Amino acid sequence: MCGALSRTRAIAISYGTVHRVTPTEWIEPAHLLAVRIIKHLWENWGRDTRNGKVDLYTVNIPMIPQLATPDGLDTYWAFMWRNSYGQLFKALDENQVTMGVLSFEWSPDIKPLVSPDISTLPIGSDGWAFSMGYATVTPLMACFAEAESCEETDCARKPRLLRL
């Protein structure tokens, strides 16, 4: 994000760990796929139909057995799945806590992210593609954007008063 905010081309790579221990034989094919994707994006930067709106790309590569097959993984353009984390921390049990100190440990519940019910995923989203075993490229803009733009509503014609 820092590079994109500085008007520098930026590509973020994410290797999606699905198995508790990723076999080492999947690592090189994942890197080779990442390099092919980066090379394509770099050489074609600005030639897409998005009218210069892409500030960065995020690339997601699932670490799955198909990486090591001769055909490897297909790569799809995707949009971002609007999701959220579940619980990130859990309270320590009484035996681990210093008296009078509220203590938590890092214990993320990422199961809904890595193995969601496929019927709940929007087709074409990065979450859907990941669940299908595809690598993805998602074009992003480096900005905080409003949840609803004025073009999508009538606020440009008639501002709405927030009544407190």
C-alpha atoms as a PDB file:
ATOM      1  CA  MET A   1       0.000   0.000   0.000  1.00  0.00           C
ATOM      2  CA  CYS A   2       2.876   2.353   0.806  1.00  0.00           C
ATOM      3  CA  GLY A   3       4.247   2.081  -2.720  1.00  0.00           C
ATOM      4  CA  ALA A   4       0.847   2.659  -4.278  1.00  0.00           C
ATOM      5  CA  LEU A   5       0.234   5.743  -2.136  1.00  0.00           C
ATOM      6  CA  SER A   6       3.601   7.052  -3.364  1.00  0.00           C
ATOM      7  CA  ARG A   7       2.490   6.624  -6.991  1.00  0.00           C
ATOM      8  CA  THR A   8       4.793   3.644  -7.413  1.00  0.00           C
ATOM      9  CA  ARG A   9       3.637   0.429  -9.009  1.00  0.00           C
ATOM     10  CA  ALA A  10       2.800  -2.103  -6.318  1.00  0.00           C
ATOM     11  CA  ILE A  11       1.966  -5.791  -6.371  1.00  0.00           C
ATOM     12  CA  ALA A  12       1.162  -7.652  -3.161  1.00  0.00           C
ATOM     13  CA  ILE A  13       1.635 -11.430  -3.146  1.00  0.00           C
ATOM     14  CA  SER A  14      -0.188 -13.666  -0.684  1.00  0.00           C
ATOM     15  CA  TYR A  15       0.391 -17.382  -0.376  1.00  0.00           C
ATOM     16  CA  GLY A  16      -2.766 -18.884   1.093  1.00  0.00           C
ATOM     17  CA  THR A  17      -1.870 -21.616   3.531  1.00  0.00           C
ATOM     18  CA  VAL A  18      -4.578 -24.256   3.596  1.00  0.00           C
ATOM     19  CA  HIS A  19      -2.686 -27.188   5.090  1.00  0.00           C
ATOM     20  CA  ARG A  20      -1.172 -26.968   8.563  1.00  0.00           C
ATOM     21  CA  VAL A  21       2.301 -27.678   7.178  1.00  0.00           C
ATOM     22  CA  THR A  22       2.859 -26.661   3.571  1.00  0.00           C
ATOM     23  CA  PRO A  23       4.932 -29.305   1.751  1.00  0.00           C
ATOM     24  CA  THR A  24       8.214 -27.865   0.493  1.00  0.00           C
ATOM     25  CA  GLU A  25       7.588 -29.208  -3.016  1.00  0.00           C
ATOM     26  CA  TRP A  26       4.760 -26.678  -3.430  1.00  0.00           C
ATOM     27  CA  ILE A  27       6.938 -23.655  -2.672  1.00  0.00           C
ATOM     28  CA  GLU A  28       8.943 -23.448  -5.900  1.00  0.00           C
ATOM     29  CA  PRO A  29       5.882 -23.839  -8.176  1.00  0.00           C
ATOM     30  CA  ALA A  30       4.114 -21.132  -6.143  1.00  0.00           C
ATOM     31  CA  HIS A  31       7.085 -18.779  -6.579  1.00  0.00           C
ATOM     32  CA  LEU A  32       7.291 -19.539 -10.308  1.00  0.00           C
ATOM     33  CA  LEU A  33       3.584 -18.787 -10.721  1.00  0.00           C
ATOM     34  CA  ALA A  34       3.990 -15.563  -8.726  1.00  0.00           C
ATOM     35  CA  VAL A  35       6.868 -14.481 -10.985  1.00  0.00           C
ATOM     36  CA  ARG A  36       4.831 -15.212 -14.144  1.00  0.00           C
ATOM     37  CA  ILE A  37       1.894 -13.194 -12.794  1.00  0.00           C
ATOM     38  CA  ILE A  38       4.107 -10.281 -11.677  1.00  0.00           C
ATOM     39  CA  LYS A  39       5.882 -10.225 -15.060  1.00  0.00           C
ATOM     40  CA  HIS A  40       2.546 -10.116 -16.893  1.00  0.00           C
ATOM     41  CA  LEU A  41       1.149  -7.358 -14.667  1.00  0.00           C
ATOM     42  CA  TRP A  42       4.331  -5.288 -14.878  1.00  0.00           C
ATOM     43  CA  GLU A  43       4.635  -5.550 -18.659  1.00  0.00           C
ATOM     44  CA  ASN A  44       0.952  -4.701 -19.187  1.00  0.00           C
ATOM     45  CA  TRP A  45       0.555  -2.019 -16.509  1.00  0.00           C
ATOM     46  CA  GLY A  46      -1.929   0.654 -17.574  1.00  0.00           C
ATOM     47  CA  ARG A  47      -3.102  -1.227 -20.658  1.00  0.00           C
ATOM     48  CA  ASP A  48      -6.299  -2.462 -19.060  1.00  0.00           C
ATOM     49  CA  THR A  49      -9.794  -1.028 -19.370  1.00  0.00           C
ATOM     50  CA  ARG A  50      -9.770   0.583 -15.927  1.00  0.00           C
ATOM     51  CA  ASN A  51      -8.650   3.995 -17.198  1.00  0.00           C
ATOM     52  CA  GLY A  52      -5.604   4.325 -14.950  1.00  0.00           C
ATOM     53  CA  LYS A  53      -7.548   3.573 -11.774  1.00  0.00           C
ATOM     54  CA  VAL A  54      -5.360   0.643 -10.660  1.00  0.00           C
ATOM     55  CA  ASP A  55      -2.871   1.630  -7.966  1.00  0.00           C
ATOM     56  CA  LEU A  56      -1.900  -1.876  -6.941  1.00  0.00           C
ATOM     57  CA  TYR A  57      -2.671  -5.496  -7.566  1.00  0.00           C
ATOM     58  CA  THR A  58      -3.108  -8.155  -4.941  1.00  0.00           C
ATOM     59  CA  VAL A  59      -2.212 -11.688  -5.996  1.00  0.00           C
ATOM     60  CA  ASN A  60      -3.472 -14.701  -4.045  1.00  0.00           C
ATOM     61  CA  ILE A  61      -1.925 -18.112  -4.613  1.00  0.00           C
ATOM     62  CA  PRO A  62      -3.446 -21.031  -2.708  1.00  0.00           C
ATOM     63  CA  MET A  63      -0.834 -23.460  -1.420  1.00  0.00           C
ATOM     64  CA  ILE A  64      -2.517 -26.641  -2.626  1.00  0.00           C
ATOM     65  CA  PRO A  65      -1.375 -29.927  -4.257  1.00  0.00           C
ATOM     66  CA  GLN A  66      -2.345 -28.767  -7.779  1.00  0.00           C
ATOM     67  CA  LEU A  67       0.618 -26.361  -7.711  1.00  0.00           C
ATOM     68  CA  ALA A  68       2.959 -29.323  -8.178  1.00  0.00           C
ATOM     69  CA  THR A  69       1.064 -30.778 -11.157  1.00  0.00           C
ATOM     70  CA  PRO A  70       2.216 -30.172 -14.754  1.00  0.00           C
ATOM     71  CA  ASP A  71      -0.749 -27.846 -15.426  1.00  0.00           C
ATOM     72  CA  GLY A  72      -0.371 -25.928 -12.156  1.00  0.00           C
ATOM     73  CA  LEU A  73      -3.117 -23.459 -11.244  1.00  0.00           C
ATOM     74  CA  ASP A  74      -5.294 -21.303 -13.460  1.00  0.00           C
ATOM     75  CA  THR A  75      -5.233 -17.603 -12.606  1.00  0.00           C
ATOM     76  CA  TYR A  76      -8.369 -15.450 -12.661  1.00  0.00           C
ATOM     77  CA  TRP A  77      -9.101 -11.755 -12.412  1.00  0.00           C
ATOM     78  CA  ALA A  78     -11.236 -11.372  -9.300  1.00  0.00           C
ATOM     79  CA  PHE A  79     -12.993  -8.781  -7.223  1.00  0.00           C
ATOM     80  CA  MET A  80     -12.520  -8.607  -3.475  1.00  0.00           C
ATOM     81  CA  TRP A  81     -14.746 -10.761  -1.308  1.00  0.00           C
ATOM     82  CA  ARG A  82     -16.182  -8.563   1.441  1.00  0.00           C
ATOM     83  CA  ASN A  83     -15.501 -10.705   4.476  1.00  0.00           C
ATOM     84  CA  SER A  84     -14.288 -10.333   8.020  1.00  0.00           C
ATOM     85  CA  TYR A  85     -12.408 -12.230  10.658  1.00  0.00           C
ATOM     86  CA  GLY A  86     -14.075 -14.018  13.496  1.00  0.00           C
ATOM     87  CA  GLN A  87     -12.480 -14.108  16.908  1.00  0.00           C
ATOM     88  CA  LEU A  88      -8.791 -13.106  16.903  1.00  0.00           C
ATOM     89  CA  PHE A  89      -7.963 -13.617  20.593  1.00  0.00           C
ATOM     90  CA  LYS A  90      -9.106 -15.891  23.377  1.00  0.00           C
ATOM     91  CA  ALA A  91      -8.894 -15.406  27.113  1.00  0.00           C
ATOM     92  CA  LEU A  92      -6.186 -17.396  28.879  1.00  0.00           C
ATOM     93  CA  ASP A  93      -7.395 -19.955  31.367  1.00  0.00           C
ATOM     94  CA  GLU A  94      -7.090 -19.159  35.058  1.00  0.00           C
ATOM     95  CA  ASN A  95      -3.888 -21.207  35.485  1.00  0.00           C
ATOM     96  CA  GLN A  96      -2.013 -19.026  32.955  1.00  0.00           C
ATOM     97  CA  VAL A  97      -3.118 -15.623  34.223  1.00  0.00           C
ATOM     98  CA  THR A  98      -1.343 -13.302  36.633  1.00  0.00           C
ATOM     99  CA  MET A  99      -3.834 -12.422  39.373  1.00  0.00           C
ATOM    100  CA  GLY A 100      -5.855  -9.326  38.517  1.00  0.00           C
ATOM    101  CA  VAL A 101      -4.533  -8.980  34.943  1.00  0.00           C
ATOM    102  CA  LEU A 102      -6.883  -9.500  32.010  1.00  0.00           C
ATOM    103  CA  SER A 103      -4.879 -11.649  29.577  1.00  0.00           C
ATOM    104  CA  PHE A 104      -5.501 -12.906  26.074  1.00  0.00           C
ATOM    105  CA  GLU A 105      -3.553 -14.945  23.544  1.00  0.00           C
ATOM    106  CA  TRP A 106      -3.485 -14.750  19.771  1.00  0.00           C
ATOM    107  CA  SER A 107      -5.883 -17.439  18.607  1.00  0.00           C
ATOM    108  CA  PRO A 108      -7.520 -16.419  15.327  1.00  0.00           C
ATOM    109  CA  ASP A 109     -10.558 -18.299  14.093  1.00  0.00           C
ATOM    110  CA  ILE A 110      -9.784 -18.276  10.368  1.00  0.00           C
ATOM    111  CA  LYS A 111     -11.806 -21.352   9.435  1.00  0.00           C
ATOM    112  CA  PRO A 112     -14.579 -19.215   7.864  1.00  0.00           C
ATOM    113  CA  LEU A 113     -11.912 -17.538   5.703  1.00  0.00           C
ATOM    114  CA  VAL A 114     -10.031 -20.617   4.494  1.00  0.00           C
ATOM    115  CA  SER A 115     -12.935 -23.052   4.229  1.00  0.00           C
ATOM    116  CA  PRO A 116     -16.185 -21.090   3.854  1.00  0.00           C
ATOM    117  CA  ASP A 117     -19.432 -22.554   2.582  1.00  0.00           C
ATOM    118  CA  ILE A 118     -18.907 -22.138  -1.175  1.00  0.00           C
ATOM    119  CA  SER A 119     -22.610 -21.321  -1.677  1.00  0.00           C
ATOM    120  CA  THR A 120     -22.080 -18.096   0.299  1.00  0.00           C
ATOM    121  CA  LEU A 121     -19.225 -16.833  -1.887  1.00  0.00           C
ATOM    122  CA  PRO A 122     -19.931 -14.434  -4.754  1.00  0.00           C
ATOM    123  CA  ILE A 123     -18.860 -16.066  -8.025  1.00  0.00           C
ATOM    124  CA  GLY A 124     -15.863 -14.191  -9.400  1.00  0.00           C
ATOM    125  CA  SER A 125     -14.649 -13.029  -5.990  1.00  0.00           C
ATOM    126  CA  ASP A 126     -11.162 -13.830  -4.725  1.00  0.00           C
ATOM    127  CA  GLY A 127     -12.702 -15.946  -1.951  1.00  0.00           C
ATOM    128  CA  TRP A 128     -14.686 -17.992  -4.464  1.00  0.00           C
ATOM    129  CA  ALA A 129     -11.644 -18.470  -6.715  1.00  0.00           C
ATOM    130  CA  PHE A 130      -9.442 -19.468  -3.766  1.00  0.00           C
ATOM    131  CA  SER A 131     -12.048 -22.048  -2.702  1.00  0.00           C
ATOM    132  CA  MET A 132     -12.096 -23.401  -6.262  1.00  0.00           C
ATOM    133  CA  GLY A 133      -8.297 -23.779  -6.261  1.00  0.00           C
ATOM    134  CA  TYR A 134      -7.458 -20.839  -8.529  1.00  0.00           C
ATOM    135  CA  ALA A 135      -4.842 -18.135  -8.155  1.00  0.00           C
ATOM    136  CA  THR A 136      -6.280 -14.616  -8.378  1.00  0.00           C
ATOM    137  CA  VAL A 137      -5.327 -11.093  -9.334  1.00  0.00           C
ATOM    138  CA  THR A 138      -7.436  -8.284  -7.869  1.00  0.00           C
ATOM    139  CA  PRO A 139      -6.903  -4.695  -9.049  1.00  0.00           C
ATOM    140  CA  LEU A 140      -7.206  -2.183  -6.214  1.00  0.00           C
ATOM    141  CA  MET A 141      -7.216   1.549  -5.656  1.00  0.00           C
ATOM    142  CA  ALA A 142      -5.086   2.860  -2.800  1.00  0.00           C
ATOM    143  CA  CYS A 143      -7.673   4.847  -0.911  1.00  0.00           C
ATOM    144  CA  PHE A 144     -10.243   4.752   1.766  1.00  0.00           C
ATOM    145  CA  ALA A 145     -13.445   4.881  -0.218  1.00  0.00           C
ATOM    146  CA  GLU A 146     -16.921   5.757   0.861  1.00  0.00           C
ATOM    147  CA  ALA A 147     -19.276   2.822   1.250  1.00  0.00           C
ATOM    148  CA  GLU A 148     -21.804   4.375  -1.109  1.00  0.00           C
ATOM    149  CA  SER A 149     -20.803   6.889  -3.745  1.00  0.00           C
ATOM    150  CA  CYS A 150     -22.898   9.852  -4.776  1.00  0.00           C
ATOM    151  CA  GLU A 151     -23.113   8.447  -8.286  1.00  0.00           C
ATOM    152  CA  GLU A 152     -25.019   5.470  -6.863  1.00  0.00           C
ATOM    153  CA  THR A 153     -27.524   7.558  -4.901  1.00  0.00           C
ATOM    154  CA  ASP A 154     -29.263  10.884  -5.189  1.00  0.00           C
ATOM    155  CA  CYS A 155     -26.936  12.636  -2.690  1.00  0.00           C
ATOM    156  CA  ALA A 156     -25.290  14.647  -5.457  1.00  0.00           C
ATOM    157  CA  ARG A 157     -28.635  16.276  -6.223  1.00  0.00           C
ATOM    158  CA  LYS A 158     -30.002  16.432  -2.691  1.00  0.00           C
ATOM    159  CA  PRO A 159     -27.630  16.294   0.286  1.00  0.00           C
ATOM    160  CA  ARG A 160     -29.016  14.302   3.213  1.00  0.00           C
ATOM    161  CA  LEU A 161     -29.125  15.885   6.657  1.00  0.00           C
ATOM    162  CA  LEU A 162     -27.998  13.704   9.542  1.00  0.00           C
ATOM    163  CA  ARG A 163     -30.567  14.290  12.260  1.00  0.00           C
ATOM    164  CA  LEU A 164     -29.099  13.993  15.740  1.00  0.00           C
END
